Amino acid sequence: MVWIILFIPLGIWLGLAIASRMNIFTLGGVAITVLIFILVETRQYQKDRARSLIPLWIMCLMLLSLGTGLIFR
């Protein structure tokens, strides 16, 4: 859980500084890639409940930071 707390400021910075400068096609490509990884990780978690949820949370935070960058574009 500590990694998620450490990733939140990084996600905010990525959303404001980096993602806000990307064009809409690049943001869409990154968002689709992250969504595919979220789907794969969710299926893997459903098969094996002993897996950690941290990668799934980090990918969701990545989508949130991309959305933040899209808002502040």
PDB file of N, CA and C in Angstrom:
ATOM      1  N   MET A   1       0.810  -1.188   0.000  1.00  0.00           N
ATOM      2  CA  MET A   1       0.000   0.000   0.000  1.00  0.00           C
ATOM      3  C   MET A   1       0.862   1.264   0.000  1.00  0.00           C
ATOM      4  N   VAL A   2       2.086   1.152   0.463  1.00  0.00           N
ATOM      5  CA  VAL A   2       2.974   2.308   0.505  1.00  0.00           C
ATOM      6  C   VAL A   2       3.275   2.808  -0.906  1.00  0.00           C
ATOM      7  N   TRP A   3       3.367   1.882  -1.864  1.00  0.00           N
ATOM      8  CA  TRP A   3       3.660   2.276  -3.239  1.00  0.00           C
ATOM      9  C   TRP A   3       2.558   3.150  -3.817  1.00  0.00           C
ATOM     10  N   ILE A   4       1.331   2.882  -3.441  1.00  0.00           N
ATOM     11  CA  ILE A   4       0.222   3.696  -3.937  1.00  0.00           C
ATOM     12  C   ILE A   4       0.320   5.109  -3.374  1.00  0.00           C
ATOM     13  N   ILE A   5       0.656   5.216  -2.104  1.00  0.00           N
ATOM     14  CA  ILE A   5       0.798   6.537  -1.485  1.00  0.00           C
ATOM     15  C   ILE A   5       1.951   7.306  -2.126  1.00  0.00           C
ATOM     16  N   LEU A   6       3.025   6.609  -2.467  1.00  0.00           N
ATOM     17  CA  LEU A   6       4.142   7.258  -3.140  1.00  0.00           C
ATOM     18  C   LEU A   6       3.801   7.616  -4.584  1.00  0.00           C
ATOM     19  N   PHE A   7       2.909   6.874  -5.202  1.00  0.00           N
ATOM     20  CA  PHE A   7       2.584   7.107  -6.608  1.00  0.00           C
ATOM     21  C   PHE A   7       1.604   8.261  -6.797  1.00  0.00           C
ATOM     22  N   ILE A   8       0.823   8.607  -5.785  1.00  0.00           N
ATOM     23  CA  ILE A   8      -0.186   9.665  -5.926  1.00  0.00           C
ATOM     24  C   ILE A   8       0.450  11.011  -6.308  1.00  0.00           C
ATOM     25  N   PRO A   9       1.501  11.503  -5.616  1.00  0.00           N
ATOM     26  CA  PRO A   9       2.105  12.771  -6.067  1.00  0.00           C
ATOM     27  C   PRO A   9       2.722  12.664  -7.458  1.00  0.00           C
ATOM     28  N   LEU A  10       3.301  11.517  -7.766  1.00  0.00           N
ATOM     29  CA  LEU A  10       3.862  11.321  -9.096  1.00  0.00           C
ATOM     30  C   LEU A  10       2.766  11.345 -10.159  1.00  0.00           C
ATOM     31  N   GLY A  11       1.635  10.725  -9.861  1.00  0.00           N
ATOM     32  CA  GLY A  11       0.514  10.734 -10.799  1.00  0.00           C
ATOM     33  C   GLY A  11      -0.033  12.132 -11.021  1.00  0.00           C
ATOM     34  N   ILE A  12      -0.111  12.917  -9.960  1.00  0.00           N
ATOM     35  CA  ILE A  12      -0.577  14.304 -10.100  1.00  0.00           C
ATOM     36  C   ILE A  12       0.405  15.100 -10.954  1.00  0.00           C
ATOM     37  N   TRP A  13       1.694  14.924 -10.686  1.00  0.00           N
ATOM     38  CA  TRP A  13       2.697  15.631 -11.478  1.00  0.00           C
ATOM     39  C   TRP A  13       2.653  15.194 -12.936  1.00  0.00           C
ATOM     40  N   LEU A  14       2.532  13.889 -13.187  1.00  0.00           N
ATOM     41  CA  LEU A  14       2.449  13.406 -14.565  1.00  0.00           C
ATOM     42  C   LEU A  14       1.229  13.975 -15.276  1.00  0.00           C
ATOM     43  N   GLY A  15       0.118  14.052 -14.560  1.00  0.00           N
ATOM     44  CA  GLY A  15      -1.096  14.583 -15.168  1.00  0.00           C
ATOM     45  C   GLY A  15      -0.980  16.053 -15.514  1.00  0.00           C
ATOM     46  N   LEU A  16      -0.360  16.821 -14.632  1.00  0.00           N
ATOM     47  CA  LEU A  16      -0.278  18.265 -14.856  1.00  0.00           C
ATOM     48  C   LEU A  16       0.873  18.665 -15.772  1.00  0.00           C
ATOM     49  N   ALA A  17       2.021  18.036 -15.628  1.00  0.00           N
ATOM     50  CA  ALA A  17       3.203  18.474 -16.365  1.00  0.00           C
ATOM     51  C   ALA A  17       3.394  17.746 -17.692  1.00  0.00           C
ATOM     52  N   ILE A  18       3.161  16.455 -17.722  1.00  0.00           N
ATOM     53  CA  ILE A  18       3.479  15.683 -18.917  1.00  0.00           C
ATOM     54  C   ILE A  18       2.241  15.414 -19.769  1.00  0.00           C
ATOM     55  N   ALA A  19       1.206  14.852 -19.169  1.00  0.00           N
ATOM     56  CA  ALA A  19       0.033  14.441 -19.947  1.00  0.00           C
ATOM     57  C   ALA A  19      -0.722  15.629 -20.522  1.00  0.00           C
ATOM     58  N   SER A  20      -0.646  16.779 -19.881  1.00  0.00           N
ATOM     59  CA  SER A  20      -1.360  17.942 -20.411  1.00  0.00           C
ATOM     60  C   SER A  20      -0.724  18.467 -21.694  1.00  0.00           C
ATOM     61  N   ARG A  21       0.513  18.092 -21.968  1.00  0.00           N
ATOM     62  CA  ARG A  21       1.197  18.518 -23.196  1.00  0.00           C
ATOM     63  C   ARG A  21       1.012  17.532 -24.346  1.00  0.00           C
ATOM     64  N   MET A  22       0.521  16.339 -24.072  1.00  0.00           N
ATOM     65  CA  MET A  22       0.341  15.325 -25.114  1.00  0.00           C
ATOM     66  C   MET A  22      -0.856  15.669 -25.991  1.00  0.00           C
ATOM     67  N   ASN A  23      -0.783  15.243 -27.257  1.00  0.00           N
ATOM     68  CA  ASN A  23      -1.957  15.448 -28.103  1.00  0.00           C
ATOM     69  C   ASN A  23      -2.997  14.373 -27.801  1.00  0.00           C
ATOM     70  N   ILE A  24      -4.177  14.547 -28.327  1.00  0.00           N
ATOM     71  CA  ILE A  24      -5.306  13.684 -27.967  1.00  0.00           C
ATOM     72  C   ILE A  24      -5.090  12.237 -28.419  1.00  0.00           C
ATOM     73  N   PHE A  25      -4.398  12.034 -29.545  1.00  0.00           N
ATOM     74  CA  PHE A  25      -4.164  10.676 -30.033  1.00  0.00           C
ATOM     75  C   PHE A  25      -3.179   9.923 -29.139  1.00  0.00           C
ATOM     76  N   THR A  26      -2.162  10.612 -28.660  1.00  0.00           N
ATOM     77  CA  THR A  26      -1.207   9.988 -27.749  1.00  0.00           C
ATOM     78  C   THR A  26      -1.871   9.636 -26.425  1.00  0.00           C
ATOM     79  N   LEU A  27      -2.681  10.552 -25.906  1.00  0.00           N
ATOM     80  CA  LEU A  27      -3.409  10.267 -24.666  1.00  0.00           C
ATOM     81  C   LEU A  27      -4.343   9.075 -24.845  1.00  0.00           C
ATOM     82  N   GLY A  28      -5.018   9.017 -25.985  1.00  0.00           N
ATOM     83  CA  GLY A  28      -5.909   7.888 -26.257  1.00  0.00           C
ATOM     84  C   GLY A  28      -5.159   6.573 -26.361  1.00  0.00           C
ATOM     85  N   GLY A  29      -4.004   6.598 -27.018  1.00  0.00           N
ATOM     86  CA  GLY A  29      -3.197   5.382 -27.139  1.00  0.00           C
ATOM     87  C   GLY A  29      -2.695   4.875 -25.804  1.00  0.00           C
ATOM     88  N   VAL A  30      -2.224   5.790 -24.978  1.00  0.00           N
ATOM     89  CA  VAL A  30      -1.752   5.395 -23.646  1.00  0.00           C
ATOM     90  C   VAL A  30      -2.917   4.886 -22.805  1.00  0.00           C
ATOM     91  N   ALA A  31      -4.064   5.559 -22.891  1.00  0.00           N
ATOM     92  CA  ALA A  31      -5.233   5.139 -22.109  1.00  0.00           C
ATOM     93  C   ALA A  31      -5.720   3.757 -22.538  1.00  0.00           C
ATOM     94  N   ILE A  32      -5.736   3.486 -23.841  1.00  0.00           N
ATOM     95  CA  ILE A  32      -6.154   2.157 -24.318  1.00  0.00           C
ATOM     96  C   ILE A  32      -5.179   1.090 -23.847  1.00  0.00           C
ATOM     97  N   THR A  33      -3.882   1.395 -23.897  1.00  0.00           N
ATOM     98  CA  THR A  33      -2.879   0.434 -23.426  1.00  0.00           C
ATOM     99  C   THR A  33      -3.060   0.129 -21.943  1.00  0.00           C
ATOM    100  N   VAL A  34      -3.278   1.158 -21.139  1.00  0.00           N
ATOM    101  CA  VAL A  34      -3.470   0.950 -19.701  1.00  0.00           C
ATOM    102  C   VAL A  34      -4.758   0.172 -19.447  1.00  0.00           C
ATOM    103  N   LEU A  35      -5.818   0.457 -20.203  1.00  0.00           N
ATOM    104  CA  LEU A  35      -7.071  -0.293 -20.045  1.00  0.00           C
ATOM    105  C   LEU A  35      -6.889  -1.772 -20.366  1.00  0.00           C
ATOM    106  N   ILE A  36      -6.121  -2.073 -21.404  1.00  0.00           N
ATOM    107  CA  ILE A  36      -5.862  -3.478 -21.744  1.00  0.00           C
ATOM    108  C   ILE A  36      -5.100  -4.157 -20.614  1.00  0.00           C
ATOM    109  N   PHE A  37      -4.093  -3.480 -20.066  1.00  0.00           N
ATOM    110  CA  PHE A  37      -3.349  -4.060 -18.947  1.00  0.00           C
ATOM    111  C   PHE A  37      -4.238  -4.238 -17.720  1.00  0.00           C
ATOM    112  N   ILE A  38      -5.171  -3.313 -17.493  1.00  0.00           N
ATOM    113  CA  ILE A  38      -6.103  -3.462 -16.374  1.00  0.00           C
ATOM    114  C   ILE A  38      -6.977  -4.689 -16.576  1.00  0.00           C
ATOM    115  N   LEU A  39      -7.468  -4.896 -17.796  1.00  0.00           N
ATOM    116  CA  LEU A  39      -8.295  -6.079 -18.072  1.00  0.00           C
ATOM    117  C   LEU A  39      -7.514  -7.374 -17.871  1.00  0.00           C
ATOM    118  N   VAL A  40      -6.272  -7.405 -18.353  1.00  0.00           N
ATOM    119  CA  VAL A  40      -5.442  -8.604 -18.187  1.00  0.00           C
ATOM    120  C   VAL A  40      -5.160  -8.857 -16.708  1.00  0.00           C
ATOM    121  N   GLU A  41      -4.818  -7.810 -15.977  1.00  0.00           N
ATOM    122  CA  GLU A  41      -4.512  -7.968 -14.551  1.00  0.00           C
ATOM    123  C   GLU A  41      -5.753  -8.393 -13.769  1.00  0.00           C
ATOM    124  N   THR A  42      -6.919  -7.875 -14.148  1.00  0.00           N
ATOM    125  CA  THR A  42      -8.157  -8.273 -13.474  1.00  0.00           C
ATOM    126  C   THR A  42      -8.451  -9.746 -13.704  1.00  0.00           C
ATOM    127  N   ARG A  43      -8.243 -10.217 -14.925  1.00  0.00           N
ATOM    128  CA  ARG A  43      -8.454 -11.651 -15.203  1.00  0.00           C
ATOM    129  C   ARG A  43      -7.472 -12.521 -14.436  1.00  0.00           C
ATOM    130  N   GLN A  44      -6.220 -12.067 -14.358  1.00  0.00           N
ATOM    131  CA  GLN A  44      -5.232 -12.830 -13.600  1.00  0.00           C
ATOM    132  C   GLN A  44      -5.589 -12.862 -12.116  1.00  0.00           C
ATOM    133  N   TYR A  45      -6.111 -11.752 -11.608  1.00  0.00           N
ATOM    134  CA  TYR A  45      -6.502 -11.712 -10.201  1.00  0.00           C
ATOM    135  C   TYR A  45      -7.700 -12.616  -9.942  1.00  0.00           C
ATOM    136  N   GLN A  46      -8.627 -12.698 -10.883  1.00  0.00           N
ATOM    137  CA  GLN A  46      -9.786 -13.572 -10.705  1.00  0.00           C
ATOM    138  C   GLN A  46      -9.373 -15.037 -10.682  1.00  0.00           C
ATOM    139  N   LYS A  47      -8.337 -15.394 -11.439  1.00  0.00           N
ATOM    140  CA  LYS A  47      -7.854 -16.775 -11.442  1.00  0.00           C
ATOM    141  C   LYS A  47      -7.091 -17.107 -10.161  1.00  0.00           C
ATOM    142  N   ASP A  48      -6.333 -16.146  -9.671  1.00  0.00           N
ATOM    143  CA  ASP A  48      -5.493 -16.377  -8.495  1.00  0.00           C
ATOM    144  C   ASP A  48      -5.702 -15.233  -7.507  1.00  0.00           C
ATOM    145  N   ARG A  49      -6.520 -15.466  -6.502  1.00  0.00           N
ATOM    146  CA  ARG A  49      -6.858 -14.426  -5.524  1.00  0.00           C
ATOM    147  C   ARG A  49      -5.694 -14.070  -4.600  1.00  0.00           C
ATOM    148  N   ALA A  50      -4.622 -14.836  -4.640  1.00  0.00           N
ATOM    149  CA  ALA A  50      -3.469 -14.539  -3.790  1.00  0.00           C
ATOM    150  C   ALA A  50      -2.578 -13.450  -4.394  1.00  0.00           C
ATOM    151  N   ARG A  51      -2.848 -13.064  -5.635  1.00  0.00           N
ATOM    152  CA  ARG A  51      -2.058 -12.013  -6.285  1.00  0.00           C
ATOM    153  C   ARG A  51      -2.278 -10.671  -5.595  1.00  0.00           C
ATOM    154  N   SER A  52      -1.296  -9.834  -5.708  1.00  0.00           N
ATOM    155  CA  SER A  52      -1.382  -8.500  -5.112  1.00  0.00           C
ATOM    156  C   SER A  52      -2.238  -7.585  -5.995  1.00  0.00           C
ATOM    157  N   LEU A  53      -2.965  -6.689  -5.361  1.00  0.00           N
ATOM    158  CA  LEU A  53      -3.787  -5.723  -6.088  1.00  0.00           C
ATOM    159  C   LEU A  53      -3.042  -4.420  -6.377  1.00  0.00           C
ATOM    160  N   ILE A  54      -1.816  -4.311  -5.932  1.00  0.00           N
ATOM    161  CA  ILE A  54      -1.062  -3.068  -6.103  1.00  0.00           C
ATOM    162  C   ILE A  54      -0.891  -2.691  -7.576  1.00  0.00           C
ATOM    163  N   PRO A  55      -0.523  -3.614  -8.488  1.00  0.00           N
ATOM    164  CA  PRO A  55      -0.424  -3.204  -9.897  1.00  0.00           C
ATOM    165  C   PRO A  55      -1.743  -2.689 -10.463  1.00  0.00           C
ATOM    166  N   LEU A  56      -2.839  -3.266 -10.033  1.00  0.00           N
ATOM    167  CA  LEU A  56      -4.148  -2.819 -10.506  1.00  0.00           C
ATOM    168  C   LEU A  56      -4.449  -1.404 -10.017  1.00  0.00           C
ATOM    169  N   TRP A  57      -4.130  -1.128  -8.763  1.00  0.00           N
ATOM    170  CA  TRP A  57      -4.340   0.214  -8.227  1.00  0.00           C
ATOM    171  C   TRP A  57      -3.451   1.236  -8.931  1.00  0.00           C
ATOM    172  N   ILE A  58      -2.221   0.869  -9.205  1.00  0.00           N
ATOM    173  CA  ILE A  58      -1.303   1.792  -9.876  1.00  0.00           C
ATOM    174  C   ILE A  58      -1.784   2.091 -11.291  1.00  0.00           C
ATOM    175  N   MET A  59      -2.292   1.084 -11.991  1.00  0.00           N
ATOM    176  CA  MET A  59      -2.817   1.333 -13.338  1.00  0.00           C
ATOM    177  C   MET A  59      -4.051   2.228 -13.298  1.00  0.00           C
ATOM    178  N   CYS A  60      -4.881   2.067 -12.292  1.00  0.00           N
ATOM    179  CA  CYS A  60      -6.046   2.954 -12.145  1.00  0.00           C
ATOM    180  C   CYS A  60      -5.603   4.382 -11.852  1.00  0.00           C
ATOM    181  N   LEU A  61      -4.552   4.531 -11.047  1.00  0.00           N
ATOM    182  CA  LEU A  61      -4.025   5.866 -10.788  1.00  0.00           C
ATOM    183  C   LEU A  61      -3.405   6.471 -12.042  1.00  0.00           C
ATOM    184  N   MET A  62      -2.820   5.635 -12.903  1.00  0.00           N
ATOM    185  CA  MET A  62      -2.298   6.135 -14.171  1.00  0.00           C
ATOM    186  C   MET A  62      -3.422   6.677 -15.041  1.00  0.00           C
ATOM    187  N   LEU A  63      -4.546   5.963 -15.096  1.00  0.00           N
ATOM    188  CA  LEU A  63      -5.689   6.462 -15.859  1.00  0.00           C
ATOM    189  C   LEU A  63      -6.208   7.765 -15.275  1.00  0.00           C
ATOM    190  N   LEU A  64      -6.219   7.856 -13.967  1.00  0.00           N
ATOM    191  CA  LEU A  64      -6.667   9.084 -13.315  1.00  0.00           C
ATOM    192  C   LEU A  64      -5.733  10.248 -13.637  1.00  0.00           C
ATOM    193  N   SER A  65      -4.434   9.994 -13.667  1.00  0.00           N
ATOM    194  CA  SER A  65      -3.497  11.066 -14.003  1.00  0.00           C
ATOM    195  C   SER A  65      -3.637  11.479 -15.463  1.00  0.00           C
ATOM    196  N   LEU A  66      -3.933  10.519 -16.353  1.00  0.00           N
ATOM    197  CA  LEU A  66      -4.180  10.883 -17.749  1.00  0.00           C
ATOM    198  C   LEU A  66      -5.448  11.715 -17.877  1.00  0.00           C
ATOM    199  N   GLY A  67      -6.462  11.362 -17.114  1.00  0.00           N
ATOM    200  CA  GLY A  67      -7.694  12.150 -17.118  1.00  0.00           C
ATOM    201  C   GLY A  67      -7.463  13.551 -16.588  1.00  0.00           C
ATOM    202  N   THR A  68      -6.622  13.667 -15.563  1.00  0.00           N
ATOM    203  CA  THR A  68      -6.278  14.982 -15.027  1.00  0.00           C
ATOM    204  C   THR A  68      -5.558  15.817 -16.079  1.00  0.00           C
ATOM    205  N   GLY A  69      -4.646  15.181 -16.805  1.00  0.00           N
ATOM    206  CA  GLY A  69      -3.947  15.892 -17.876  1.00  0.00           C
ATOM    207  C   GLY A  69      -4.883  16.321 -18.985  1.00  0.00           C
ATOM    208  N   LEU A  70      -5.893  15.523 -19.253  1.00  0.00           N
ATOM    209  CA  LEU A  70      -6.866  15.876 -20.285  1.00  0.00           C
ATOM    210  C   LEU A  70      -7.728  17.050 -19.840  1.00  0.00           C
ATOM    211  N   ILE A  71      -8.055  17.095 -18.562  1.00  0.00           N
ATOM    212  CA  ILE A  71      -8.860  18.207 -18.040  1.00  0.00           C
ATOM    213  C   ILE A  71      -8.073  19.516 -18.089  1.00  0.00           C
ATOM    214  N   PHE A  72      -6.795  19.474 -17.720  1.00  0.00           N
ATOM    215  CA  PHE A  72      -5.982  20.687 -17.661  1.00  0.00           C
ATOM    216  C   PHE A  72      -5.262  20.977 -18.965  1.00  0.00           C
ATOM    217  N   ARG A  73      -5.729  20.430 -20.033  1.00  0.00           N
ATOM    218  CA  ARG A  73      -5.142  20.632 -21.340  1.00  0.00           C
ATOM    219  C   ARG A  73      -5.373  22.004 -21.857  1.00  0.00           C
TER     220      ARG A  73
END
